[in-house]
Amino acid sequence: MGKLDGKVAIISGAARGQGEAEARAFVAEGASVVLGDVLDAEGEAVAASLGAAATYVHLDVTQPADWERAVKTAQSEYGKLDVLVNNAGIQQAQAITDTTLADWERMMAVHLRGAFLTSREAARVMIPRRSGRIIIVSSQLAYLGRPRYTAYSAAKGGLLTFTRALAQELAPHGILVNGIAPGLIDTGFDPLPDEAKRAHAASLPLKRLGAPDDLVGAFVFLASDESRYFCGQTLHPNGGEIMP
C-alpha cells in the first residue's frame, strides 16, 4: 500500500469495469483521482464510494472542452496532475461491408482523437513541472486483428505507435509514456456470449479470462515511481494469448 501516496490522477472511462477497478486501486494506494466518463450516474456513484479522494466529471473523450475541464478539476481539487490514464474505449463487432463511415470515424474518434486530446492537455500541465506519467490503453487486437473488429483493431494499432512517438517526445521533459494492451477481460459489460468467453478461456495457457483486478497492478506500477526507467513500453496482461 502507499505506492501512489500524494499523486493525482485522471482516469477516463472510470464509471465501471476496468476503469472503475483502476480508480479503486489508485485510491487504495494513496492517490487522489478524477474519474471521467459519459455514464454520469454510475461515475458519480463510484466517486462517492471512494470519498474525498475521488471526484467525478462528465468526460466525452472526443471533446476538447471536456478534457480541459477534467485537467482543471484535478488542479483545483487536488492541486496538480501527476498521472493520466487514457482508458476509455468502445467496441463494435461488424463485418467490414456493414461498417459505415460514421462507425469508422466514431471508433477512430474515441480511441485516437481521445488519446491525442487527453495527452495534449496533460502534457501542457506536466511539462512545466518536468514530471508525469501517461498510460495509454491499447489491446492485444492491435497485434492480432480479428474478423469483424477491423475498425477497433486499426484504432488500437494506432495507439501503439502513438504511445511510442509520444514517449520519445515527452521523455526529455521528465514525462514517462507507456501503454497496456490487455487481452479479453471479463468486465461484465462486453457483448460476447458466455459460450464464446468459455471457448476463449479454454484456448489460453492460463485457462481463464482476465478480470479487471488482474490488470490493476500493471496500472499502479506504471503510475508509480517504480516505473521510472520504463519509456514507450507496452505491458501485455493477456493470460498468455500473445507473447510479443
C-alpha atoms as a PDB file:
ATOM      1  CA  MET A   1       0.000   0.000   0.000  1.00  0.00           C
ATOM      2  CA  GLY A   2       1.046   3.607  -0.451  1.00  0.00           C
ATOM      3  CA  LYS A   3       2.734   3.217  -3.848  1.00  0.00           C
ATOM      4  CA  LEU A   4       0.863   6.281  -5.131  1.00  0.00           C
ATOM      5  CA  ASP A   5       0.852   8.418  -1.999  1.00  0.00           C
ATOM      6  CA  GLY A   6       0.319  12.065  -2.845  1.00  0.00           C
ATOM      7  CA  LYS A   7      -0.211  11.537  -6.561  1.00  0.00           C
ATOM      8  CA  VAL A   8      -3.157  12.954  -8.505  1.00  0.00           C
ATOM      9  CA  ALA A   9      -4.581  11.053 -11.465  1.00  0.00           C
ATOM     10  CA  ILE A  10      -7.235  11.403 -14.142  1.00  0.00           C
ATOM     11  CA  ILE A  11      -8.778   8.151 -15.384  1.00  0.00           C
ATOM     12  CA  SER A  12     -11.143   8.174 -18.352  1.00  0.00           C
ATOM     13  CA  GLY A  13     -13.844   5.548 -18.720  1.00  0.00           C
ATOM     14  CA  ALA A  14     -13.863   5.131 -14.959  1.00  0.00           C
ATOM     15  CA  ALA A  15     -17.573   4.652 -14.272  1.00  0.00           C
ATOM     16  CA  ARG A  16     -17.437   0.871 -14.429  1.00  0.00           C
ATOM     17  CA  GLY A  17     -15.413  -2.171 -15.409  1.00  0.00           C
ATOM     18  CA  GLN A  18     -11.702  -1.819 -15.920  1.00  0.00           C
ATOM     19  CA  GLY A  19     -11.637   1.937 -15.331  1.00  0.00           C
ATOM     20  CA  GLU A  20     -13.516   1.635 -12.053  1.00  0.00           C
ATOM     21  CA  ALA A  21     -11.087  -1.054 -10.862  1.00  0.00           C
ATOM     22  CA  GLU A  22      -8.160   1.228 -11.724  1.00  0.00           C
ATOM     23  CA  ALA A  23      -9.688   4.117  -9.800  1.00  0.00           C
ATOM     24  CA  ARG A  24     -10.292   1.975  -6.723  1.00  0.00           C
ATOM     25  CA  ALA A  25      -6.742   0.606  -6.853  1.00  0.00           C
ATOM     26  CA  PHE A  26      -5.242   4.082  -7.208  1.00  0.00           C
ATOM     27  CA  VAL A  27      -7.161   5.413  -4.215  1.00  0.00           C
ATOM     28  CA  ALA A  28      -6.201   2.328  -2.180  1.00  0.00           C
ATOM     29  CA  GLU A  29      -2.563   3.092  -2.988  1.00  0.00           C
ATOM     30  CA  GLY A  30      -2.864   6.682  -1.763  1.00  0.00           C
ATOM     31  CA  ALA A  31      -3.744   8.668  -4.889  1.00  0.00           C
ATOM     32  CA  SER A  32      -6.460  11.231  -5.446  1.00  0.00           C
ATOM     33  CA  VAL A  33      -8.406  10.563  -8.626  1.00  0.00           C
ATOM     34  CA  VAL A  34     -10.592  12.477 -11.058  1.00  0.00           C
ATOM     35  CA  LEU A  35     -12.922   9.948 -12.676  1.00  0.00           C
ATOM     36  CA  GLY A  36     -14.211  10.811 -16.133  1.00  0.00           C
ATOM     37  CA  ASP A  37     -16.970   9.134 -18.145  1.00  0.00           C
ATOM     38  CA  VAL A  38     -20.193   9.763 -20.050  1.00  0.00           C
ATOM     39  CA  LEU A  39     -22.105   7.476 -17.658  1.00  0.00           C
ATOM     40  CA  ASP A  40     -22.787  10.189 -15.129  1.00  0.00           C
ATOM     41  CA  ALA A  41     -24.920   8.319 -12.591  1.00  0.00           C
ATOM     42  CA  GLU A  42     -22.524   5.377 -12.423  1.00  0.00           C
ATOM     43  CA  GLY A  43     -19.444   7.601 -12.298  1.00  0.00           C
ATOM     44  CA  GLU A  44     -20.838   9.799  -9.547  1.00  0.00           C
ATOM     45  CA  ALA A  45     -21.701   6.694  -7.506  1.00  0.00           C
ATOM     46  CA  VAL A  46     -18.166   5.315  -7.840  1.00  0.00           C
ATOM     47  CA  ALA A  47     -16.637   8.646  -6.850  1.00  0.00           C
ATOM     48  CA  ALA A  48     -18.969   8.944  -3.849  1.00  0.00           C
ATOM     49  CA  SER A  49     -18.000   5.470  -2.679  1.00  0.00           C
ATOM     50  CA  LEU A  50     -14.321   6.481  -2.729  1.00  0.00           C
ATOM     51  CA  GLY A  51     -14.804   9.555  -0.558  1.00  0.00           C
ATOM     52  CA  ALA A  52     -12.798  12.780  -0.629  1.00  0.00           C
ATOM     53  CA  ALA A  53     -10.005  11.198  -2.665  1.00  0.00           C
ATOM     54  CA  ALA A  54     -12.221  10.989  -5.766  1.00  0.00           C
ATOM     55  CA  THR A  55     -14.113  13.487  -7.910  1.00  0.00           C
ATOM     56  CA  TYR A  56     -16.287  12.749 -10.929  1.00  0.00           C
ATOM     57  CA  VAL A  57     -16.502  14.862 -14.091  1.00  0.00           C
ATOM     58  CA  HIS A  58     -18.541  14.313 -17.228  1.00  0.00           C
ATOM     59  CA  LEU A  59     -15.998  13.427 -19.896  1.00  0.00           C
ATOM     60  CA  ASP A  60     -16.647  12.756 -23.561  1.00  0.00           C
ATOM     61  CA  VAL A  61     -13.099  11.928 -24.651  1.00  0.00           C
ATOM     62  CA  THR A  62     -13.712  13.291 -28.160  1.00  0.00           C
ATOM     63  CA  GLN A  63     -14.441  16.803 -26.864  1.00  0.00           C
ATOM     64  CA  PRO A  64     -11.535  19.210 -26.144  1.00  0.00           C
ATOM     65  CA  ALA A  65     -13.579  21.251 -23.662  1.00  0.00           C
ATOM     66  CA  ASP A  66     -14.297  18.170 -21.571  1.00  0.00           C
ATOM     67  CA  TRP A  67     -10.588  17.346 -21.293  1.00  0.00           C
ATOM     68  CA  GLU A  68      -9.757  20.924 -20.402  1.00  0.00           C
ATOM     69  CA  ARG A  69     -12.357  20.763 -17.637  1.00  0.00           C
ATOM     70  CA  ALA A  70     -11.018  17.444 -16.334  1.00  0.00           C
ATOM     71  CA  VAL A  71      -7.468  18.796 -16.072  1.00  0.00           C
ATOM     72  CA  LYS A  72      -8.663  21.994 -14.409  1.00  0.00           C
ATOM     73  CA  THR A  73     -10.678  19.902 -11.940  1.00  0.00           C
ATOM     74  CA  ALA A  74      -7.593  17.898 -10.970  1.00  0.00           C
ATOM     75  CA  GLN A  75      -5.701  21.125 -10.384  1.00  0.00           C
ATOM     76  CA  SER A  76      -8.466  22.917  -8.496  1.00  0.00           C
ATOM     77  CA  GLU A  77      -9.484  19.940  -6.326  1.00  0.00           C
ATOM     78  CA  TYR A  78      -6.078  18.396  -5.676  1.00  0.00           C
ATOM     79  CA  GLY A  79      -3.516  20.979  -6.738  1.00  0.00           C
ATOM     80  CA  LYS A  80      -1.772  19.224  -9.661  1.00  0.00           C
ATOM     81  CA  LEU A  81      -1.818  16.377 -12.167  1.00  0.00           C
ATOM     82  CA  ASP A  82       0.718  13.545 -11.932  1.00  0.00           C
ATOM     83  CA  VAL A  83      -0.877  10.656 -13.831  1.00  0.00           C
ATOM     84  CA  LEU A  84      -3.165  10.367 -16.817  1.00  0.00           C
ATOM     85  CA  VAL A  85      -4.806   7.054 -17.727  1.00  0.00           C
ATOM     86  CA  ASN A  86      -6.326   7.049 -21.199  1.00  0.00           C
ATOM     87  CA  ASN A  87      -8.663   4.124 -20.552  1.00  0.00           C
ATOM     88  CA  ALA A  88     -11.953   4.971 -22.296  1.00  0.00           C
ATOM     89  CA  GLY A  89     -12.863   2.956 -25.369  1.00  0.00           C
ATOM     90  CA  ILE A  90     -15.676   1.382 -27.346  1.00  0.00           C
ATOM     91  CA  GLN A  91     -16.105  -1.897 -29.214  1.00  0.00           C
ATOM     92  CA  GLN A  92     -18.339  -2.804 -32.114  1.00  0.00           C
ATOM     93  CA  ALA A  93     -18.215  -6.141 -33.915  1.00  0.00           C
ATOM     94  CA  GLN A  94     -19.420  -5.914 -37.505  1.00  0.00           C
ATOM     95  CA  ALA A  95     -18.447  -7.032 -40.970  1.00  0.00           C
ATOM     96  CA  ILE A  96     -16.444  -4.536 -42.993  1.00  0.00           C
ATOM     97  CA  THR A  97     -19.261  -4.480 -45.561  1.00  0.00           C
ATOM     98  CA  ASP A  98     -21.684  -3.353 -42.850  1.00  0.00           C
ATOM     99  CA  THR A  99     -19.358  -0.743 -41.342  1.00  0.00           C
ATOM    100  CA  THR A 100     -20.482   2.781 -42.169  1.00  0.00           C
ATOM    101  CA  LEU A 101     -18.194   5.758 -42.438  1.00  0.00           C
ATOM    102  CA  ALA A 102     -19.802   7.076 -39.261  1.00  0.00           C
ATOM    103  CA  ASP A 103     -18.990   3.781 -37.477  1.00  0.00           C
ATOM    104  CA  TRP A 104     -15.361   4.003 -38.589  1.00  0.00           C
ATOM    105  CA  GLU A 105     -14.984   7.656 -37.665  1.00  0.00           C
ATOM    106  CA  ARG A 106     -16.564   7.129 -34.251  1.00  0.00           C
ATOM    107  CA  MET A 107     -14.096   4.325 -33.492  1.00  0.00           C
ATOM    108  CA  MET A 108     -11.143   6.497 -34.507  1.00  0.00           C
ATOM    109  CA  ALA A 109     -12.506   9.496 -32.605  1.00  0.00           C
ATOM    110  CA  VAL A 110     -12.934   7.719 -29.271  1.00  0.00           C
ATOM    111  CA  HIS A 111      -9.579   5.946 -29.377  1.00  0.00           C
ATOM    112  CA  LEU A 112      -7.172   8.083 -31.403  1.00  0.00           C
ATOM    113  CA  ARG A 113      -8.696  11.549 -31.132  1.00  0.00           C
ATOM    114  CA  GLY A 114      -9.336  10.862 -27.456  1.00  0.00           C
ATOM    115  CA  ALA A 115      -5.719   9.846 -26.844  1.00  0.00           C
ATOM    116  CA  PHE A 116      -4.464  12.931 -28.673  1.00  0.00           C
ATOM    117  CA  LEU A 117      -6.679  15.321 -26.727  1.00  0.00           C
ATOM    118  CA  THR A 118      -6.002  13.799 -23.343  1.00  0.00           C
ATOM    119  CA  SER A 119      -2.254  13.625 -23.891  1.00  0.00           C
ATOM    120  CA  ARG A 120      -2.093  17.178 -25.196  1.00  0.00           C
ATOM    121  CA  GLU A 121      -3.919  18.618 -22.195  1.00  0.00           C
ATOM    122  CA  ALA A 122      -1.885  16.548 -19.729  1.00  0.00           C
ATOM    123  CA  ALA A 123       1.406  17.479 -21.385  1.00  0.00           C
ATOM    124  CA  ARG A 124       0.579  21.163 -21.165  1.00  0.00           C
ATOM    125  CA  VAL A 125       0.485  20.999 -17.368  1.00  0.00           C
ATOM    126  CA  MET A 126       3.113  18.279 -16.861  1.00  0.00           C
ATOM    127  CA  ILE A 127       5.892  19.836 -18.981  1.00  0.00           C
ATOM    128  CA  PRO A 128       6.341  22.900 -16.739  1.00  0.00           C
ATOM    129  CA  ARG A 129       6.636  20.573 -13.718  1.00  0.00           C
ATOM    130  CA  ARG A 130       9.017  18.245 -15.597  1.00  0.00           C
ATOM    131  CA  SER A 131       7.214  15.255 -14.172  1.00  0.00           C
ATOM    132  CA  GLY A 132       4.326  12.971 -15.058  1.00  0.00           C
ATOM    133  CA  ARG A 133       3.034   9.613 -16.183  1.00  0.00           C
ATOM    134  CA  ILE A 134       0.755   8.941 -19.158  1.00  0.00           C
ATOM    135  CA  ILE A 135      -0.709   5.444 -19.587  1.00  0.00           C
ATOM    136  CA  ILE A 136      -2.455   4.594 -22.854  1.00  0.00           C
ATOM    137  CA  VAL A 137      -4.665   1.518 -23.065  1.00  0.00           C
ATOM    138  CA  SER A 138      -4.443  -0.422 -26.304  1.00  0.00           C
ATOM    139  CA  SER A 139      -5.432  -4.062 -26.886  1.00  0.00           C
ATOM    140  CA  GLN A 140      -3.995  -7.372 -27.976  1.00  0.00           C
ATOM    141  CA  LEU A 141      -6.056  -6.882 -31.140  1.00  0.00           C
ATOM    142  CA  ALA A 142      -3.567  -4.180 -32.053  1.00  0.00           C
ATOM    143  CA  TYR A 143      -1.223  -7.106 -32.735  1.00  0.00           C
ATOM    144  CA  LEU A 144      -3.601  -9.868 -33.792  1.00  0.00           C
ATOM    145  CA  GLY A 145      -6.512  -8.219 -35.509  1.00  0.00           C
ATOM    146  CA  ARG A 146      -9.779 -10.126 -35.530  1.00  0.00           C
ATOM    147  CA  PRO A 147     -12.560 -10.645 -38.069  1.00  0.00           C
ATOM    148  CA  ARG A 148     -15.450  -8.206 -37.558  1.00  0.00           C
ATOM    149  CA  TYR A 149     -13.187  -5.977 -35.413  1.00  0.00           C
ATOM    150  CA  THR A 150     -11.448  -4.225 -38.301  1.00  0.00           C
ATOM    151  CA  ALA A 151     -12.050  -0.663 -37.120  1.00  0.00           C
ATOM    152  CA  TYR A 152     -11.327  -1.489 -33.484  1.00  0.00           C
ATOM    153  CA  SER A 153      -8.098  -3.317 -34.341  1.00  0.00           C
ATOM    154  CA  ALA A 154      -6.947  -0.437 -36.540  1.00  0.00           C
ATOM    155  CA  ALA A 155      -7.650   2.136 -33.828  1.00  0.00           C
ATOM    156  CA  LYS A 156      -5.850   0.149 -31.170  1.00  0.00           C
ATOM    157  CA  GLY A 157      -2.915  -0.453 -33.515  1.00  0.00           C
ATOM    158  CA  GLY A 158      -2.644   3.286 -33.998  1.00  0.00           C
ATOM    159  CA  LEU A 159      -2.424   3.724 -30.237  1.00  0.00           C
ATOM    160  CA  LEU A 160       0.694   1.542 -30.104  1.00  0.00           C
ATOM    161  CA  THR A 161       2.608   3.834 -32.444  1.00  0.00           C
ATOM    162  CA  PHE A 162       1.140   6.926 -30.790  1.00  0.00           C
ATOM    163  CA  THR A 163       2.445   5.675 -27.435  1.00  0.00           C
ATOM    164  CA  ARG A 164       5.962   5.167 -28.787  1.00  0.00           C
ATOM    165  CA  ALA A 165       6.107   8.513 -30.553  1.00  0.00           C
ATOM    166  CA  LEU A 166       4.710  10.415 -27.579  1.00  0.00           C
ATOM    167  CA  ALA A 167       7.122   8.660 -25.230  1.00  0.00           C
ATOM    168  CA  GLN A 168      10.078   9.897 -27.262  1.00  0.00           C
ATOM    169  CA  GLU A 169       8.712  13.430 -27.398  1.00  0.00           C
ATOM    170  CA  LEU A 170       7.898  13.795 -23.712  1.00  0.00           C
ATOM    171  CA  ALA A 171      10.714  11.836 -22.056  1.00  0.00           C
ATOM    172  CA  PRO A 172      13.146  14.796 -22.205  1.00  0.00           C
ATOM    173  CA  HIS A 173      10.567  16.734 -20.178  1.00  0.00           C
ATOM    174  CA  GLY A 174      10.518  14.122 -17.401  1.00  0.00           C
ATOM    175  CA  ILE A 175       7.206  12.597 -18.525  1.00  0.00           C
ATOM    176  CA  LEU A 176       7.044   8.837 -18.989  1.00  0.00           C
ATOM    177  CA  VAL A 177       4.540   7.484 -21.514  1.00  0.00           C
ATOM    178  CA  ASN A 178       3.760   3.767 -21.536  1.00  0.00           C
ATOM    179  CA  GLY A 179       0.903   1.522 -22.577  1.00  0.00           C
ATOM    180  CA  ILE A 180      -1.100  -1.508 -21.527  1.00  0.00           C
ATOM    181  CA  ALA A 181      -2.565  -3.913 -24.102  1.00  0.00           C
ATOM    182  CA  PRO A 182      -4.961  -6.243 -22.269  1.00  0.00           C
ATOM    183  CA  GLY A 183      -6.370  -9.468 -23.586  1.00  0.00           C
ATOM    184  CA  LEU A 184     -10.046 -10.294 -23.301  1.00  0.00           C
ATOM    185  CA  ILE A 185     -11.129  -9.034 -19.884  1.00  0.00           C
ATOM    186  CA  ASP A 186     -14.475 -10.139 -18.475  1.00  0.00           C
ATOM    187  CA  THR A 187     -15.857  -6.853 -17.199  1.00  0.00           C
ATOM    188  CA  GLY A 188     -19.474  -7.964 -17.405  1.00  0.00           C
ATOM    189  CA  PHE A 189     -20.213  -5.224 -19.933  1.00  0.00           C
ATOM    190  CA  ASP A 190     -18.820  -6.713 -23.148  1.00  0.00           C
ATOM    191  CA  PRO A 191     -21.172  -8.129 -25.812  1.00  0.00           C
ATOM    192  CA  LEU A 192     -19.620 -11.592 -26.140  1.00  0.00           C
ATOM    193  CA  PRO A 193     -21.906 -14.517 -25.265  1.00  0.00           C
ATOM    194  CA  ASP A 194     -20.867 -16.824 -22.450  1.00  0.00           C
ATOM    195  CA  GLU A 195     -20.135 -19.668 -24.848  1.00  0.00           C
ATOM    196  CA  ALA A 196     -17.597 -17.552 -26.722  1.00  0.00           C
ATOM    197  CA  LYS A 197     -15.993 -16.495 -23.451  1.00  0.00           C
ATOM    198  CA  ARG A 198     -15.634 -20.107 -22.325  1.00  0.00           C
ATOM    199  CA  ALA A 199     -14.089 -21.098 -25.648  1.00  0.00           C
ATOM    200  CA  HIS A 200     -11.642 -18.229 -25.497  1.00  0.00           C
ATOM    201  CA  ALA A 201     -10.666 -19.050 -21.918  1.00  0.00           C
ATOM    202  CA  ALA A 202     -10.017 -22.680 -22.885  1.00  0.00           C
ATOM    203  CA  SER A 203      -7.600 -21.510 -25.587  1.00  0.00           C
ATOM    204  CA  LEU A 204      -5.410 -19.559 -23.161  1.00  0.00           C
ATOM    205  CA  PRO A 205      -2.365 -21.000 -21.387  1.00  0.00           C
ATOM    206  CA  LEU A 206      -3.858 -19.799 -18.081  1.00  0.00           C
ATOM    207  CA  LYS A 207      -7.256 -21.341 -18.981  1.00  0.00           C
ATOM    208  CA  ARG A 208      -9.298 -18.418 -17.685  1.00  0.00           C
ATOM    209  CA  LEU A 209     -10.341 -14.961 -18.740  1.00  0.00           C
ATOM    210  CA  GLY A 210      -8.880 -11.950 -17.048  1.00  0.00           C
ATOM    211  CA  ALA A 211     -10.851  -9.831 -14.606  1.00  0.00           C
ATOM    212  CA  PRO A 212     -10.350  -6.090 -14.001  1.00  0.00           C
ATOM    213  CA  ASP A 213      -8.490  -6.833 -10.763  1.00  0.00           C
ATOM    214  CA  ASP A 214      -5.928  -8.815 -12.782  1.00  0.00           C
ATOM    215  CA  LEU A 215      -4.888  -5.616 -14.535  1.00  0.00           C
ATOM    216  CA  VAL A 216      -4.714  -3.039 -11.782  1.00  0.00           C
ATOM    217  CA  GLY A 217      -1.213  -3.967 -10.655  1.00  0.00           C
ATOM    218  CA  ALA A 218       0.146  -3.030 -14.077  1.00  0.00           C
ATOM    219  CA  PHE A 219      -1.558   0.363 -13.915  1.00  0.00           C
ATOM    220  CA  VAL A 220      -0.342   1.041 -10.385  1.00  0.00           C
ATOM    221  CA  PHE A 221       3.196   0.075 -11.399  1.00  0.00           C
ATOM    222  CA  LEU A 222       3.291   2.385 -14.431  1.00  0.00           C
ATOM    223  CA  ALA A 223       1.799   5.229 -12.383  1.00  0.00           C
ATOM    224  CA  SER A 224       4.308   4.780  -9.569  1.00  0.00           C
ATOM    225  CA  ASP A 225       7.930   5.783  -9.111  1.00  0.00           C
ATOM    226  CA  GLU A 226       8.890   2.123  -9.548  1.00  0.00           C
ATOM    227  CA  SER A 227       8.442   2.511 -13.319  1.00  0.00           C
ATOM    228  CA  ARG A 228      10.999   5.306 -13.568  1.00  0.00           C
ATOM    229  CA  TYR A 229      13.038   3.528 -16.293  1.00  0.00           C
ATOM    230  CA  PHE A 230      10.072   2.432 -18.410  1.00  0.00           C
ATOM    231  CA  CYS A 231       9.608   4.585 -21.512  1.00  0.00           C
ATOM    232  CA  GLY A 232       7.486   3.770 -24.563  1.00  0.00           C
ATOM    233  CA  GLN A 233       6.788   0.240 -23.369  1.00  0.00           C
ATOM    234  CA  THR A 234       3.530  -1.681 -23.584  1.00  0.00           C
ATOM    235  CA  LEU A 235       2.652  -4.312 -20.987  1.00  0.00           C
ATOM    236  CA  HIS A 236       0.557  -7.326 -22.014  1.00  0.00           C
ATOM    237  CA  PRO A 237      -1.761  -8.787 -19.351  1.00  0.00           C
ATOM    238  CA  ASN A 238      -3.477 -11.348 -21.574  1.00  0.00           C
ATOM    239  CA  GLY A 239      -3.244 -14.774 -19.938  1.00  0.00           C
ATOM    240  CA  GLY A 240      -0.517 -15.806 -22.365  1.00  0.00           C
ATOM    241  CA  GLU A 241      -2.536 -15.452 -25.568  1.00  0.00           C
ATOM    242  CA  ILE A 242       0.224 -13.475 -27.243  1.00  0.00           C
ATOM    243  CA  MET A 243       3.815 -13.094 -26.083  1.00  0.00           C
ATOM    244  CA  PRO A 244       5.337 -10.187 -28.046  1.00  0.00           C
END
